[in-house]
Amino acid sequence: MANLRAIRLRIRGVKNIAKITRAMEMIAASKMRRAQERGLAGRPYREKITEVIAALSAVSGGESAHPLLAQRPAKKIMVVHITPDRGLSGGLVGNINRATLAFIQEHKSVSTNFIVVGKKGLDFMRRAQREIAAEVVGMGDKPTLQDILPISRIVIDDFKSGVVDEVYVAYSQFVSTMAQKPVLEKLLPVEPAQIEPQHNVEYLYEPDAASVLGSLLPNYVEMKIYQLILESIASEQSARMVAMRNATQNANELTEELTLEYNKARQESITGDLLDIVGGVAALA
């Protein structure tokens, strides 16, 4: 009976876990749709502003036109490390942390500091005893552009002043609901993309190309950080929905296995009781 009671309690516990993971899956699914819409909506703007900056830098003097275009030997690197505040998202957090750690090991000869966005990344960097220039936690699922302005201000000021020579962003790129890819993307110095001849458009700038570039580049950096944070949030919610769905399926399968084990144990118990009764009747006869 003690074994039957233990199995019964375990079945009850697994069913309760399945209810929780199912509820978390539904919450993540509703958040995922909104996060995907926000993340994908900014991609066309990002592509267009990159195209405009490429055209501007070509006609305004390249690196000499703005400090954010300045190329110099990399003696110190800054990484904006973007992770979720919460776990339960499968291998998402581990993948981006491992990608950043591999990047650090590749640049052992260069000093590296971090702006950490998200509690999971902050915990990882503290355990790794890395230099943290700034930390941002509790941003939520729907950050605004105003929320990321302090991050972009630190990045731009440190690069302009020469505190750092290169800036990278580590984030989870949203590929699909089932796939998220850890990426380290170079943010500064801005490297204008090459425009294909068929997409090359002649623009008229007022007052001049250098002035427009000077106004546009800081906005480009702000927009890009914001866009990558939105991509990370979309990846987080997708990964959490899939992880909770898998957890629910595993709990349901375990419940079936435990129920079968319970029925077998119950049958054995009943058979044992019947044998005792038959044996007692035979002894009395």
Protein backbone atom coordinates (compact mmCIF):
# COMPACT_ATOMS: atom_id res chain seq x y z
CA MET A 1 0.00 0.00 0.00
CA ALA A 2 2.88 2.34 0.73
CA ASN A 3 4.11 1.88 -2.85
CA LEU A 4 0.63 2.54 -4.25
CA ARG A 5 0.31 5.71 -2.16
CA ALA A 6 3.70 6.99 -3.36
CA ILE A 7 2.78 6.38 -7.01
CA ARG A 8 -0.59 8.11 -6.50
CA LEU A 9 1.09 11.18 -5.00
CA ARG A 10 3.62 11.28 -7.83
CA ILE A 11 0.86 11.12 -10.47
CA ARG A 12 -0.92 14.00 -8.76
CA GLY A 13 2.28 16.06 -8.66
CA VAL A 14 3.09 15.44 -12.34
CA LYS A 15 -0.47 16.42 -13.35
CA ASN A 16 -0.14 19.68 -11.42
CA ILE A 17 3.15 20.41 -13.18
CA ALA A 18 1.50 19.73 -16.55
CA LYS A 19 -1.24 22.26 -15.73
CA ILE A 20 1.37 24.91 -14.86
CA THR A 21 3.49 24.31 -17.96
CA ARG A 22 0.38 24.34 -20.16
CA ALA A 23 -0.65 27.71 -18.72
CA MET A 24 2.88 29.07 -19.23
CA GLU A 25 2.85 27.82 -22.82
CA MET A 26 -0.39 29.70 -23.54
CA ILE A 27 0.94 32.91 -21.96
CA ALA A 28 4.18 32.66 -23.94
CA ALA A 29 2.23 32.02 -27.15
CA SER A 30 0.16 35.18 -26.71
CA LYS A 31 3.28 37.25 -25.93
CA MET A 32 5.19 35.62 -28.78
CA ARG A 33 2.78 36.84 -31.45
CA ARG A 34 3.06 40.44 -30.30
CA ALA A 35 6.83 40.21 -29.90
CA GLN A 36 7.24 38.74 -33.38
CA GLU A 37 5.15 41.51 -34.91
CA ARG A 38 7.23 44.18 -33.15
CA GLY A 39 10.53 42.53 -34.05
CA LEU A 40 9.72 41.93 -37.72
CA ALA A 41 8.11 45.34 -38.22
CA GLY A 42 11.42 47.12 -37.67
CA ARG A 43 13.44 45.11 -40.20
CA PRO A 44 12.43 47.12 -43.31
CA TYR A 45 13.36 50.38 -41.56
CA ARG A 46 16.69 48.91 -40.49
CA GLU A 47 17.47 47.82 -44.04
CA LYS A 48 16.50 51.20 -45.52
CA ILE A 49 18.46 53.30 -43.04
CA THR A 50 21.52 51.08 -43.67
CA GLU A 51 21.13 51.77 -47.38
CA VAL A 52 20.87 55.53 -46.82
CA ILE A 53 23.95 55.55 -44.55
CA ALA A 54 25.91 53.65 -47.20
CA ALA A 55 25.00 56.32 -49.76
CA LEU A 56 25.78 59.14 -47.32
CA SER A 57 29.20 57.84 -46.33
CA ALA A 58 30.12 57.37 -49.99
CA VAL A 59 29.52 61.05 -50.80
CA SER A 60 30.54 62.68 -47.51
CA GLY A 61 34.12 61.53 -47.08
CA GLY A 62 33.82 58.14 -45.36
CA GLU A 63 35.59 57.80 -42.00
CA SER A 64 36.51 61.48 -41.79
CA ALA A 65 32.84 62.46 -41.99
CA HIS A 66 31.86 61.22 -38.51
CA PRO A 67 33.56 59.72 -35.40
CA LEU A 68 31.23 56.69 -35.43
CA LEU A 69 32.77 55.63 -38.74
CA ALA A 70 36.36 55.82 -37.45
CA GLN A 71 38.37 52.64 -37.85
CA ARG A 72 41.22 52.12 -35.35
CA PRO A 73 43.17 49.18 -33.89
CA ALA A 74 41.04 47.22 -31.43
CA LYS A 75 42.69 47.54 -28.01
CA LYS A 76 39.46 47.40 -26.01
CA ILE A 77 36.11 45.91 -27.03
CA MET A 78 32.65 46.45 -25.60
CA VAL A 79 29.93 43.81 -25.92
CA VAL A 80 26.24 44.58 -25.39
CA HIS A 81 25.10 41.18 -24.07
CA ILE A 82 21.30 40.70 -24.41
CA THR A 83 19.57 37.85 -22.55
CA PRO A 84 16.15 37.29 -20.91
CA ASP A 85 15.42 38.23 -17.31
CA ARG A 86 13.82 34.82 -16.74
CA GLY A 87 14.67 31.24 -17.59
CA LEU A 88 12.42 28.35 -18.67
CA SER A 89 13.24 29.06 -22.33
CA GLY A 90 15.06 25.90 -23.30
CA GLY A 91 18.65 26.31 -24.44
CA LEU A 92 18.25 29.98 -25.45
CA VAL A 93 20.16 31.50 -22.53
CA GLY A 94 22.89 28.85 -22.58
CA ASN A 95 23.42 29.26 -26.33
CA ILE A 96 23.90 33.03 -26.23
CA ASN A 97 26.14 32.82 -23.14
CA ARG A 98 28.31 30.17 -24.81
CA ALA A 99 28.53 32.23 -28.00
CA THR A 100 29.70 35.27 -26.02
CA LEU A 101 32.20 33.16 -24.07
CA ALA A 102 33.61 31.78 -27.34
CA PHE A 103 33.94 35.35 -28.64
CA ILE A 104 35.85 36.35 -25.48
CA GLN A 105 38.22 33.41 -25.88
CA GLU A 106 38.86 34.37 -29.51
CA HIS A 107 39.86 37.88 -28.36
CA LYS A 108 41.99 36.96 -25.34
CA SER A 109 44.62 39.54 -26.22
CA VAL A 110 42.05 42.38 -26.14
CA SER A 111 40.47 43.90 -23.04
CA THR A 112 36.69 43.41 -23.03
CA ASN A 113 33.91 44.99 -20.98
CA PHE A 114 30.16 44.46 -21.10
CA ILE A 115 26.83 46.22 -21.04
CA VAL A 116 24.53 43.47 -19.81
CA VAL A 117 20.82 43.54 -20.67
CA GLY A 118 18.87 40.87 -18.79
CA LYS A 119 19.29 39.14 -15.43
CA LYS A 120 20.40 35.79 -16.87
CA GLY A 121 23.31 37.39 -18.70
CA LEU A 122 24.18 39.44 -15.63
CA ASP A 123 24.38 36.32 -13.47
CA PHE A 124 26.58 34.65 -16.08
CA MET A 125 28.98 37.59 -16.35
CA ARG A 126 29.28 37.86 -12.57
CA ARG A 127 30.12 34.17 -12.29
CA ALA A 128 32.67 34.57 -15.09
CA GLN A 129 34.09 37.63 -13.22
CA ARG A 130 33.93 39.89 -16.27
CA GLU A 131 34.13 43.67 -16.27
CA ILE A 132 30.59 45.09 -16.39
CA ALA A 133 30.30 48.71 -17.53
CA ALA A 134 26.51 48.87 -17.08
CA GLU A 135 23.60 46.55 -16.33
CA VAL A 136 19.94 46.77 -17.35
CA VAL A 137 17.39 44.38 -15.85
CA GLY A 138 13.60 44.38 -15.61
CA MET A 139 13.05 45.97 -19.01
CA GLY A 140 9.92 43.86 -19.57
CA ASP A 141 8.38 42.34 -22.68
CA LYS A 142 7.45 45.63 -24.38
CA PRO A 143 10.34 48.08 -24.08
CA THR A 144 10.16 51.44 -25.81
CA LEU A 145 12.89 53.32 -27.63
CA GLN A 146 13.21 55.60 -24.60
CA ASP A 147 14.10 52.59 -22.44
CA ILE A 148 17.21 51.79 -24.47
CA LEU A 149 18.51 55.36 -24.87
CA PRO A 150 20.82 55.08 -21.80
CA ILE A 151 22.44 51.99 -23.39
CA SER A 152 23.02 53.71 -26.73
CA ARG A 153 24.31 56.84 -24.99
CA ILE A 154 26.99 54.84 -23.12
CA VAL A 155 27.96 53.01 -26.32
CA ILE A 156 28.24 56.17 -28.41
CA ASP A 157 30.06 58.22 -25.77
CA ASP A 158 32.60 55.49 -24.95
CA PHE A 159 33.34 54.91 -28.63
CA LYS A 160 33.67 58.61 -29.46
CA SER A 161 35.96 59.24 -26.49
CA GLY A 162 38.19 56.28 -27.36
CA VAL A 163 37.39 54.28 -24.20
CA VAL A 164 36.52 51.38 -26.53
CA ASP A 165 37.59 50.80 -30.11
CA GLU A 166 34.89 48.35 -31.22
CA VAL A 167 31.37 47.54 -30.03
CA TYR A 168 29.54 44.27 -30.64
CA VAL A 169 26.00 43.15 -29.78
CA ALA A 170 25.35 39.57 -28.64
CA TYR A 171 21.69 38.61 -29.08
CA SER A 172 19.36 35.79 -30.12
CA GLN A 173 18.29 36.29 -33.71
CA PHE A 174 14.69 35.30 -34.42
CA VAL A 175 14.70 32.85 -37.34
CA SER A 176 11.37 31.11 -36.79
CA THR A 177 9.17 29.94 -33.95
CA MET A 178 11.21 26.76 -33.69
CA ALA A 179 14.66 28.24 -34.35
CA GLN A 180 16.64 31.04 -32.67
CA LYS A 181 20.29 31.66 -33.49
CA PRO A 182 22.88 33.27 -31.17
CA VAL A 183 24.62 36.08 -33.06
CA LEU A 184 27.43 38.54 -32.30
CA GLU A 185 27.04 41.52 -34.62
CA LYS A 186 29.43 44.42 -34.97
CA LEU A 187 27.79 47.73 -34.06
CA LEU A 188 30.66 50.24 -34.04
CA PRO A 189 32.45 51.47 -35.97
CA VAL A 190 29.56 51.61 -38.41
CA GLU A 191 30.51 49.76 -41.56
CA PRO A 192 28.22 50.94 -44.37
CA ALA A 193 26.88 48.17 -46.55
CA GLN A 194 27.72 48.02 -50.20
CA ILE A 195 24.78 49.03 -52.39
CA GLU A 196 24.04 46.92 -55.42
CA PRO A 197 24.00 48.96 -58.65
CA GLN A 198 20.32 48.31 -59.30
CA HIS A 199 19.46 49.71 -55.84
CA ASN A 200 21.76 52.72 -56.04
CA VAL A 201 19.69 55.90 -55.84
CA GLU A 202 20.98 59.45 -56.09
CA TYR A 203 19.79 61.47 -53.09
CA LEU A 204 19.66 65.23 -52.58
CA TYR A 205 20.78 66.29 -49.10
CA GLU A 206 19.98 69.53 -47.28
CA PRO A 207 22.06 71.25 -46.01
CA ASP A 208 24.78 68.71 -47.00
CA ALA A 209 25.57 65.00 -46.80
CA ALA A 210 28.01 65.31 -43.86
CA SER A 211 25.43 67.14 -41.70
CA VAL A 212 22.72 64.60 -42.48
CA LEU A 213 25.13 61.75 -41.74
CA GLY A 214 26.07 63.35 -38.41
CA SER A 215 22.41 63.48 -37.38
CA LEU A 216 21.52 60.06 -38.73
CA LEU A 217 24.32 57.89 -37.34
CA PRO A 218 23.43 58.25 -33.61
CA ASN A 219 19.80 57.49 -34.50
CA TYR A 220 20.98 54.46 -36.46
CA VAL A 221 22.87 53.12 -33.43
CA GLU A 222 19.84 53.68 -31.17
CA MET A 223 17.50 52.03 -33.65
CA LYS A 224 19.78 49.05 -34.15
CA ILE A 225 20.15 48.31 -30.43
CA TYR A 226 16.38 48.66 -30.01
CA GLN A 227 15.71 46.35 -32.98
CA LEU A 228 18.08 43.68 -31.68
CA ILE A 229 16.47 43.80 -28.22
CA LEU A 230 13.07 43.28 -29.88
CA GLU A 231 14.50 40.33 -31.83
CA SER A 232 15.81 38.86 -28.57
CA ILE A 233 12.39 39.21 -26.91
CA ALA A 234 10.70 37.49 -29.87
CA SER A 235 13.26 34.68 -29.64
CA GLU A 236 12.74 34.40 -25.87
CA GLN A 237 8.96 34.05 -26.08
CA SER A 238 9.19 31.57 -28.97
CA ALA A 239 11.75 29.45 -27.12
CA ARG A 240 9.69 29.56 -23.91
CA MET A 241 6.51 28.49 -25.71
CA VAL A 242 8.30 25.53 -27.32
CA ALA A 243 10.03 24.58 -24.05
CA MET A 244 6.75 24.65 -22.11
CA ARG A 245 4.99 22.65 -24.80
CA ASN A 246 7.70 19.99 -24.61
CA ALA A 247 7.50 20.03 -20.81
CA THR A 248 3.73 19.52 -20.95
CA GLN A 249 4.09 16.61 -23.39
CA ASN A 250 6.75 15.00 -21.21
CA ALA A 251 4.55 15.39 -18.12
CA ASN A 252 1.59 13.79 -19.91
CA GLU A 253 3.76 10.88 -21.06
CA LEU A 254 5.12 10.41 -17.54
CA THR A 255 1.56 10.44 -16.17
CA GLU A 256 0.61 7.63 -18.54
CA GLU A 257 3.65 5.59 -17.51
CA LEU A 258 2.95 6.13 -13.80
CA THR A 259 -0.72 5.24 -14.27
CA LEU A 260 0.28 1.97 -15.93
CA GLU A 261 2.74 1.27 -13.13
CA TYR A 262 0.03 2.07 -10.55
CA ASN A 263 -2.45 -0.30 -12.20
CA LYS A 264 0.12 -3.11 -12.28
CA ALA A 265 1.01 -2.57 -8.63
CA ARG A 266 -2.69 -2.51 -7.70
CA GLN A 267 -3.32 -5.75 -9.57
CA GLU A 268 -0.38 -7.38 -7.80
CA SER A 269 -1.72 -6.20 -4.46
CA ILE A 270 -5.20 -7.55 -5.18
CA THR A 271 -3.78 -10.87 -6.40
CA GLY A 272 -1.69 -11.15 -3.23
CA ASP A 273 -4.74 -10.47 -1.04
CA LEU A 274 -6.77 -13.13 -2.89
CA LEU A 275 -3.99 -15.70 -2.47
CA ASP A 276 -3.86 -14.98 1.26
CA ILE A 277 -7.62 -15.45 1.55
CA VAL A 278 -7.59 -18.70 -0.45
CA GLY A 279 -4.66 -19.97 1.57
CA GLY A 280 -6.44 -19.16 4.84
CA VAL A 281 -9.64 -20.95 3.75
CA ALA A 282 -7.63 -24.00 2.71
CA ALA A 283 -5.84 -24.05 6.06
CA LEU A 284 -9.17 -23.90 7.95
CA ALA A 285 -10.60 -26.77 5.83
